[in-house]
Amino acid sequence: MIKVSAENYKNQLKEKENIFNSYFNDVTSKSIFPSSHRSYRHRCEFGLSNFENGINYSMINDNERIEINKYPICSEAIQLLMKKLLQLLTKKEVLFQKLFQIEFQSSRSKEVMVSLIYHKKLENDWVEEINILKDSLECSFVGRSKNQKIIIGQDYVTEEYKSVNKKFRLNLYEQCFSQTNPDICDQMISWIEENGKRETDIIELHCGLGTFTIPLSRLFNNVIATENSRPSLVALEKNIKLNNCNNIKFARLSGKETLEAYDEKREFRRLINKEIVLKEYDIRSIFVDPPREGIDQQTVSKISQFDEIIYISCGFESFKRDLDLLKKTHEIEKVAMFDQFPYTNHIESGVILKRITPQD
């Protein structure tokens, strides 16, 4: 398991820096953003298993179930809650029976939401007991089982992000993807903002619940955000209202569908219903933050038509593969490594590319 220490973190960060720098050795505008070495992770999930000393949190490591007594990489708010919560759950059969997974989400203001996931239907006696637990522990609970979700308190925590230009808030909803390391997320947003305001519009693919959508709305005249996940778009709409943004349009489209619509290859009722006509916007930039596997080759080819590409990646191998194609039409303006995932091999990267101007 992870050996959490300043020295261990320093050594593993150096290894990542070497890998990153070896690929971008010819890029002059290059930044490295280190993480805190502990208490940086604000979203964690654990199984429950029976060990020698009784029931405890567990995780899988090398196909082996490992007992978790402490987890110092997660936020202090989660660490303080973990032991106390498990002790109280195991005292009440209605709360503990058929419980197989516990998920924690916290904010830097120490709000905590706990998801309890069961192999049984949750009845009124569960609701009564979990309400008592909520008042005792001062956190929110979500109970989930097959085709059932019960919210006790609220199903989100509110995070305030602090970029160079401005603060903004996001409600991070249960079962929606959110950044696990908010301090690094602040750095990512500030790094994007360094390039200043553009008097044009931008398309954002894979927008999620709005982590980048909201700050992009301050940098561009209009943001057209698309996402394939319905729950994420519901969350995005609420976060747009939370931040009083009036220059964001959004629709449920995959990245591939968005680019087909932009190229006028297909017509989508989901855009028509939102009164979004892409060609009416002055779109010269595109923002992509894809899953770890990156972008398929056809999509890479399509995004190369934009003058500016802002690409955030959590998979370094797929990132290099996509960049090798994009560098045929664009040049790297600046690049950065964000250590979003300390003590792992995962390298989070960001690049801003500008179209190569043809020489006369």
Protein backbone atom coordinates (compact mmCIF):
# COMPACT_ATOMS: atom_id res chain seq x y z
CA MET A 1 0.00 0.00 0.00
CA ILE A 2 0.95 3.67 -0.16
CA LYS A 3 3.77 4.88 2.06
CA VAL A 4 2.73 8.48 2.70
CA SER A 5 5.66 10.77 3.47
CA ALA A 6 7.17 13.99 2.13
CA GLU A 7 10.32 12.13 1.06
CA ASN A 8 8.46 9.37 -0.75
CA TYR A 9 6.29 11.93 -2.52
CA LYS A 10 9.34 13.96 -3.58
CA ASN A 11 10.93 10.86 -5.13
CA GLN A 12 7.86 9.72 -7.05
CA LEU A 13 7.20 13.26 -8.29
CA LYS A 14 10.76 13.40 -9.66
CA GLU A 15 10.14 10.19 -11.61
CA LYS A 16 7.02 11.70 -13.18
CA GLU A 17 8.84 14.93 -13.97
CA ASN A 18 11.55 12.99 -15.79
CA ILE A 19 8.99 11.14 -17.91
CA PHE A 20 7.11 14.37 -18.64
CA ASN A 21 10.22 16.42 -19.44
CA SER A 22 11.71 13.76 -21.70
CA TYR A 23 8.70 13.96 -24.01
CA PHE A 24 8.46 17.78 -23.90
CA ASN A 25 12.21 18.48 -23.90
CA ASP A 26 11.88 20.93 -26.81
CA VAL A 27 9.02 22.96 -25.25
CA THR A 28 10.15 26.16 -23.51
CA SER A 29 6.90 27.12 -21.76
CA LYS A 30 6.61 24.19 -19.38
CA SER A 31 5.24 24.06 -15.81
CA ILE A 32 5.09 21.45 -13.04
CA PHE A 33 2.42 21.70 -10.34
CA PRO A 34 3.09 19.42 -7.34
CA SER A 35 0.41 18.27 -4.93
CA SER A 36 0.35 18.17 -1.17
CA HIS A 37 1.80 14.83 -0.09
CA ARG A 38 -1.14 14.00 2.22
CA SER A 39 -4.86 14.81 2.77
CA TYR A 40 -5.23 15.82 -0.88
CA ARG A 41 -7.94 13.40 -1.97
CA HIS A 42 -11.54 14.49 -1.38
CA ARG A 43 -13.32 11.48 -2.87
CA CYS A 44 -12.72 7.92 -1.63
CA GLU A 45 -14.53 4.59 -1.74
CA PHE A 46 -14.02 1.45 0.31
CA GLY A 47 -15.36 -2.05 0.51
CA LEU A 48 -16.15 -3.75 3.80
CA SER A 49 -14.51 -7.04 4.79
CA ASN A 50 -14.13 -9.31 7.79
CA PHE A 51 -10.56 -9.32 9.09
CA GLU A 52 -8.88 -10.88 12.13
CA ASN A 53 -9.99 -8.04 14.40
CA GLY A 54 -13.48 -7.73 12.90
CA ILE A 55 -15.18 -5.75 10.14
CA ASN A 56 -13.11 -2.96 8.60
CA TYR A 57 -12.69 -0.87 5.48
CA SER A 58 -10.94 -2.62 2.61
CA MET A 59 -9.44 -1.99 -0.82
CA ILE A 60 -8.13 -4.25 -3.56
CA ASN A 61 -4.36 -4.18 -4.12
CA ASP A 62 -2.74 -6.64 -6.57
CA ASN A 63 -5.91 -8.79 -6.50
CA GLU A 64 -5.73 -9.00 -2.71
CA ARG A 65 -8.18 -7.41 -0.29
CA ILE A 66 -6.23 -5.12 2.05
CA GLU A 67 -7.43 -3.87 5.43
CA ILE A 68 -7.57 -0.07 5.72
CA ASN A 69 -7.10 1.27 9.25
CA LYS A 70 -5.94 4.72 8.17
CA TYR A 71 -6.01 6.46 4.81
CA PRO A 72 -3.85 9.60 5.11
CA ILE A 73 -4.16 10.63 1.46
CA CYS A 74 -7.85 11.47 1.90
CA SER A 75 -9.04 14.75 3.39
CA GLU A 76 -8.86 15.36 7.12
CA ALA A 77 -12.65 15.59 7.27
CA ILE A 78 -12.99 12.08 5.82
CA GLN A 79 -10.22 10.69 8.03
CA LEU A 80 -11.93 12.02 11.16
CA LEU A 81 -15.25 10.49 10.13
CA MET A 82 -14.14 7.03 8.97
CA LYS A 83 -13.53 5.26 12.28
CA LYS A 84 -16.43 6.88 14.13
CA LEU A 85 -18.86 6.07 11.29
CA LEU A 86 -17.91 2.40 11.10
CA GLN A 87 -18.24 1.97 14.87
CA LEU A 88 -21.76 3.42 14.82
CA LEU A 89 -22.87 1.50 11.72
CA THR A 90 -21.84 -1.87 13.16
CA LYS A 91 -23.93 -1.25 16.30
CA LYS A 92 -27.19 -1.11 14.29
CA GLU A 93 -28.11 -4.23 12.34
CA VAL A 94 -30.55 -2.34 10.11
CA LEU A 95 -27.72 -0.02 9.01
CA PHE A 96 -25.00 -2.61 8.67
CA GLN A 97 -26.81 -5.66 7.26
CA LYS A 98 -26.05 -6.19 3.54
CA LEU A 99 -23.88 -3.02 3.44
CA PHE A 100 -20.99 -3.69 1.08
CA GLN A 101 -19.51 -0.33 0.03
CA ILE A 102 -19.01 3.12 1.55
CA GLU A 103 -18.12 6.21 -0.50
CA PHE A 104 -17.00 9.56 0.92
CA GLN A 105 -17.05 12.98 -0.74
CA SER A 106 -15.79 16.07 1.08
CA SER A 107 -15.14 19.73 0.38
CA ARG A 108 -12.34 21.94 1.68
CA SER A 109 -14.92 23.61 3.94
CA LYS A 110 -15.25 20.17 5.63
CA GLU A 111 -18.69 19.26 4.32
CA VAL A 112 -18.95 15.48 3.97
CA MET A 113 -21.43 13.30 2.09
CA VAL A 114 -21.41 9.55 2.70
CA SER A 115 -22.94 7.04 0.27
CA LEU A 116 -23.92 3.69 1.78
CA ILE A 117 -24.46 0.98 -0.83
CA TYR A 118 -26.48 -2.13 -0.02
CA HIS A 119 -27.55 -5.52 -1.34
CA LYS A 120 -31.05 -5.03 0.07
CA LYS A 121 -34.06 -2.74 -0.19
CA LEU A 122 -33.95 0.13 2.29
CA GLU A 123 -37.06 0.43 4.45
CA ASN A 124 -38.44 3.04 6.86
CA ASP A 125 -36.50 1.63 9.82
CA TRP A 126 -33.27 2.34 7.90
CA VAL A 127 -34.40 5.94 7.28
CA GLU A 128 -35.18 6.45 10.98
CA GLU A 129 -31.79 5.17 12.11
CA ILE A 130 -29.77 7.01 9.47
CA ASN A 131 -31.44 10.30 10.44
CA ILE A 132 -30.21 9.78 14.00
CA LEU A 133 -26.73 9.05 12.63
CA LYS A 134 -26.82 12.17 10.43
CA ASP A 135 -27.54 14.41 13.42
CA SER A 136 -24.81 12.73 15.46
CA LEU A 137 -22.08 12.94 12.80
CA GLU A 138 -23.17 16.20 11.11
CA CYS A 139 -22.87 14.92 7.56
CA SER A 140 -25.23 13.97 4.73
CA PHE A 141 -26.06 10.40 3.74
CA VAL A 142 -27.19 8.78 0.52
CA GLY A 143 -28.49 5.23 0.73
CA ARG A 144 -28.35 3.23 -2.48
CA SER A 145 -29.49 -0.20 -3.53
CA LYS A 146 -30.84 -1.62 -6.78
CA ASN A 147 -33.30 0.92 -8.29
CA GLN A 148 -33.34 2.89 -5.03
CA LYS A 149 -31.72 6.09 -3.80
CA ILE A 150 -32.61 7.80 -0.52
CA ILE A 151 -31.10 11.20 0.34
CA ILE A 152 -30.73 12.17 3.99
CA GLY A 153 -29.53 15.76 4.01
CA GLN A 154 -28.25 16.54 0.52
CA ASP A 155 -26.67 14.52 -2.28
CA TYR A 156 -23.79 16.93 -2.88
CA VAL A 157 -21.06 18.93 -1.21
CA THR A 158 -20.23 22.49 -2.24
CA GLU A 159 -16.62 23.21 -3.22
CA GLU A 160 -15.21 26.70 -3.70
CA TYR A 161 -12.43 26.89 -6.29
CA LYS A 162 -9.92 29.73 -6.14
CA SER A 163 -8.30 30.66 -9.42
CA VAL A 164 -6.09 33.66 -10.15
CA ASN A 165 -9.03 35.67 -11.51
CA LYS A 166 -11.99 34.76 -9.36
CA LYS A 167 -13.56 32.30 -6.96
CA PHE A 168 -16.50 30.16 -7.99
CA ARG A 169 -18.56 27.41 -6.39
CA LEU A 170 -19.60 24.00 -7.62
CA ASN A 171 -22.05 21.56 -6.13
CA LEU A 172 -20.35 18.18 -6.49
CA TYR A 173 -23.17 15.69 -6.83
CA GLU A 174 -23.16 12.05 -5.83
CA GLN A 175 -22.55 9.68 -8.79
CA CYS A 176 -21.20 12.54 -10.96
CA PHE A 177 -17.51 12.74 -11.82
CA SER A 178 -15.60 15.46 -10.00
CA GLN A 179 -11.94 16.30 -9.52
CA THR A 180 -10.52 14.44 -6.51
CA ASN A 181 -7.74 16.95 -5.75
CA PRO A 182 -9.26 20.47 -5.51
CA ASP A 183 -5.95 22.22 -4.77
CA ILE A 184 -4.54 20.94 -8.07
CA CYS A 185 -7.81 21.83 -9.79
CA ASP A 186 -7.27 25.45 -8.68
CA GLN A 187 -3.86 25.34 -10.37
CA MET A 188 -5.28 23.88 -13.58
CA ILE A 189 -7.89 26.62 -13.86
CA SER A 190 -5.36 29.38 -13.10
CA TRP A 191 -2.98 27.95 -15.72
CA ILE A 192 -5.73 28.10 -18.36
CA GLU A 193 -6.67 31.64 -17.32
CA GLU A 194 -3.11 32.90 -17.83
CA ASN A 195 -3.81 33.14 -21.57
CA GLY A 196 -6.37 35.85 -20.92
CA LYS A 197 -9.75 36.74 -22.38
CA ARG A 198 -10.63 35.83 -25.95
CA GLU A 199 -13.30 37.75 -27.84
CA THR A 200 -14.53 34.53 -29.44
CA ASP A 201 -16.53 31.41 -28.51
CA ILE A 202 -15.50 27.90 -27.44
CA ILE A 203 -16.87 24.35 -27.62
CA GLU A 204 -16.25 22.14 -24.59
CA LEU A 205 -16.46 18.35 -24.93
CA HIS A 206 -16.98 16.05 -21.91
CA CYS A 207 -18.00 19.02 -19.75
CA GLY A 208 -19.25 17.01 -16.75
CA LEU A 209 -20.82 19.10 -14.00
CA GLY A 210 -18.98 22.28 -15.01
CA THR A 211 -15.53 22.25 -13.39
CA PHE A 212 -14.01 23.97 -16.42
CA THR A 213 -17.23 25.25 -18.00
CA ILE A 214 -17.74 27.95 -15.37
CA PRO A 215 -14.22 29.46 -15.59
CA LEU A 216 -14.26 29.16 -19.41
CA SER A 217 -17.38 31.33 -19.41
CA ARG A 218 -15.24 34.18 -18.03
CA LEU A 219 -12.60 33.75 -20.75
CA PHE A 220 -14.84 33.47 -23.82
CA ASN A 221 -17.89 35.31 -25.10
CA ASN A 222 -19.90 32.07 -25.20
CA VAL A 223 -19.35 28.46 -24.13
CA ILE A 224 -21.11 25.58 -25.89
CA ALA A 225 -20.75 22.63 -23.50
CA THR A 226 -21.67 19.03 -24.33
CA GLU A 227 -21.75 15.87 -22.24
CA ASN A 228 -23.23 12.39 -22.71
CA SER A 229 -24.18 11.81 -19.06
CA ARG A 230 -27.68 12.93 -18.08
CA PRO A 231 -26.91 13.23 -14.32
CA SER A 232 -23.86 15.39 -15.09
CA LEU A 233 -25.93 17.74 -17.25
CA VAL A 234 -28.55 18.08 -14.51
CA ALA A 235 -25.70 19.01 -12.16
CA LEU A 236 -24.21 21.39 -14.74
CA GLU A 237 -27.49 23.28 -15.09
CA LYS A 238 -27.65 23.76 -11.32
CA ASN A 239 -24.03 24.92 -11.19
CA ILE A 240 -24.62 27.42 -14.00
CA LYS A 241 -27.45 28.94 -11.94
CA LEU A 242 -25.33 28.82 -8.77
CA ASN A 243 -22.70 31.00 -10.48
CA ASN A 244 -25.13 33.27 -12.35
CA CYS A 245 -23.61 32.45 -15.75
CA ASN A 246 -25.61 33.66 -18.74
CA ASN A 247 -23.27 32.82 -21.64
CA ILE A 248 -23.27 29.00 -21.40
CA LYS A 249 -25.35 26.75 -23.66
CA PHE A 250 -25.31 22.99 -23.14
CA ALA A 251 -26.73 19.82 -24.66
CA ARG A 252 -26.49 16.06 -24.22
CA LEU A 253 -24.13 14.97 -26.97
CA SER A 254 -21.06 12.77 -27.11
CA GLY A 255 -17.81 14.28 -28.33
CA LYS A 256 -18.25 12.56 -31.69
CA GLU A 257 -21.84 13.82 -32.04
CA THR A 258 -20.81 17.38 -31.14
CA LEU A 259 -18.23 17.48 -33.92
CA GLU A 260 -20.65 15.91 -36.40
CA ALA A 261 -23.12 18.68 -35.56
CA TYR A 262 -20.43 21.34 -35.90
CA ASP A 263 -19.45 19.99 -39.33
CA GLU A 264 -23.17 19.89 -40.28
CA LYS A 265 -22.92 16.16 -40.95
CA ARG A 266 -25.90 15.41 -38.72
CA GLU A 267 -28.81 17.32 -37.24
CA PHE A 268 -29.64 16.70 -33.59
CA ARG A 269 -33.02 17.34 -32.00
CA ARG A 270 -31.18 17.80 -28.69
CA LEU A 271 -29.53 20.94 -30.13
CA ILE A 272 -32.66 22.19 -31.89
CA ASN A 273 -34.69 21.90 -28.68
CA LYS A 274 -32.08 24.05 -26.92
CA GLU A 275 -32.09 26.56 -29.82
CA ILE A 276 -28.37 26.00 -30.35
CA VAL A 277 -27.17 26.66 -33.90
CA LEU A 278 -23.42 26.07 -33.77
CA LYS A 279 -22.60 27.96 -36.96
CA GLU A 280 -24.09 31.13 -35.49
CA TYR A 281 -21.22 31.26 -32.98
CA ASP A 282 -17.68 32.48 -33.60
CA ILE A 283 -16.11 29.22 -32.42
CA ARG A 284 -12.35 29.20 -32.83
CA SER A 285 -11.37 27.19 -29.74
CA ILE A 286 -12.16 23.76 -28.37
CA PHE A 287 -11.65 22.37 -24.87
CA VAL A 288 -11.30 18.63 -24.37
CA ASP A 289 -10.90 16.68 -21.12
CA PRO A 290 -11.48 13.09 -22.25
CA PRO A 291 -11.40 9.82 -20.28
CA ARG A 292 -8.02 8.16 -19.66
CA GLU A 293 -8.09 6.32 -23.01
CA GLY A 294 -7.93 9.68 -24.81
CA ILE A 295 -9.56 10.60 -28.12
CA ASP A 296 -10.09 8.31 -31.08
CA GLN A 297 -8.14 9.12 -34.24
CA GLN A 298 -11.19 10.37 -36.14
CA THR A 299 -12.04 12.83 -33.37
CA VAL A 300 -8.43 14.03 -33.19
CA SER A 301 -8.63 14.79 -36.89
CA LYS A 302 -11.85 16.77 -36.40
CA ILE A 303 -10.63 18.89 -33.48
CA SER A 304 -7.59 19.89 -35.52
CA GLN A 305 -9.85 22.25 -37.51
CA PHE A 306 -9.99 24.67 -34.55
CA ASP A 307 -7.44 27.48 -34.20
CA GLU A 308 -6.92 26.82 -30.49
CA ILE A 309 -7.06 23.48 -28.67
CA ILE A 310 -7.02 23.27 -24.87
CA TYR A 311 -6.46 19.63 -23.96
CA ILE A 312 -6.46 18.29 -20.39
CA SER A 313 -5.47 14.63 -20.08
CA CYS A 314 -5.33 12.09 -17.24
CA GLY A 315 -3.71 9.39 -19.42
CA PHE A 316 -0.16 10.24 -20.48
CA GLU A 317 0.25 7.51 -23.11
CA SER A 318 -2.98 8.43 -24.91
CA PHE A 319 -2.06 12.11 -24.50
CA LYS A 320 1.26 11.58 -26.31
CA ARG A 321 -0.47 9.58 -29.03
CA ASP A 322 -3.04 12.33 -29.65
CA LEU A 323 -0.42 15.09 -29.51
CA ASP A 324 1.73 13.35 -32.12
CA LEU A 325 -1.21 13.75 -34.51
CA LEU A 326 -2.20 17.27 -33.45
CA LYS A 327 1.37 18.59 -33.82
CA LYS A 328 1.04 18.08 -37.57
CA THR A 329 -1.35 21.06 -37.71
CA HIS A 330 -0.72 22.87 -34.41
CA GLU A 331 2.21 24.00 -32.31
CA ILE A 332 2.45 23.79 -28.54
CA GLU A 333 2.09 27.20 -26.91
CA LYS A 334 2.53 25.87 -23.39
CA VAL A 335 2.29 22.61 -21.49
CA ALA A 336 1.98 21.63 -17.83
CA MET A 337 2.03 18.61 -15.57
CA PHE A 338 -0.46 18.60 -12.70
CA ASP A 339 0.20 15.96 -10.05
CA GLN A 340 -3.45 15.14 -9.52
CA PHE A 341 -2.74 11.57 -8.42
CA PRO A 342 0.28 11.34 -6.07
CA TYR A 343 1.78 7.90 -5.36
CA THR A 344 0.47 6.54 -8.67
CA ASN A 345 1.91 6.31 -12.18
CA HIS A 346 -0.85 8.54 -13.56
CA ILE A 347 0.33 11.84 -15.04
CA GLU A 348 -2.27 14.58 -15.52
CA SER A 349 -1.21 16.99 -18.25
CA GLY A 350 -2.47 20.08 -19.98
CA VAL A 351 -1.52 21.63 -23.29
CA ILE A 352 -2.62 24.68 -25.24
CA LEU A 353 -2.05 24.36 -28.98
CA LYS A 354 -2.34 27.03 -31.65
CA ARG A 355 -2.80 26.38 -35.35
CA ILE A 356 0.41 26.61 -37.39
CA THR A 357 0.23 29.60 -39.72
CA PRO A 358 1.18 28.56 -43.27
CA GLN A 359 4.33 30.25 -44.55
CA ASP A 360 4.00 32.28 -47.75
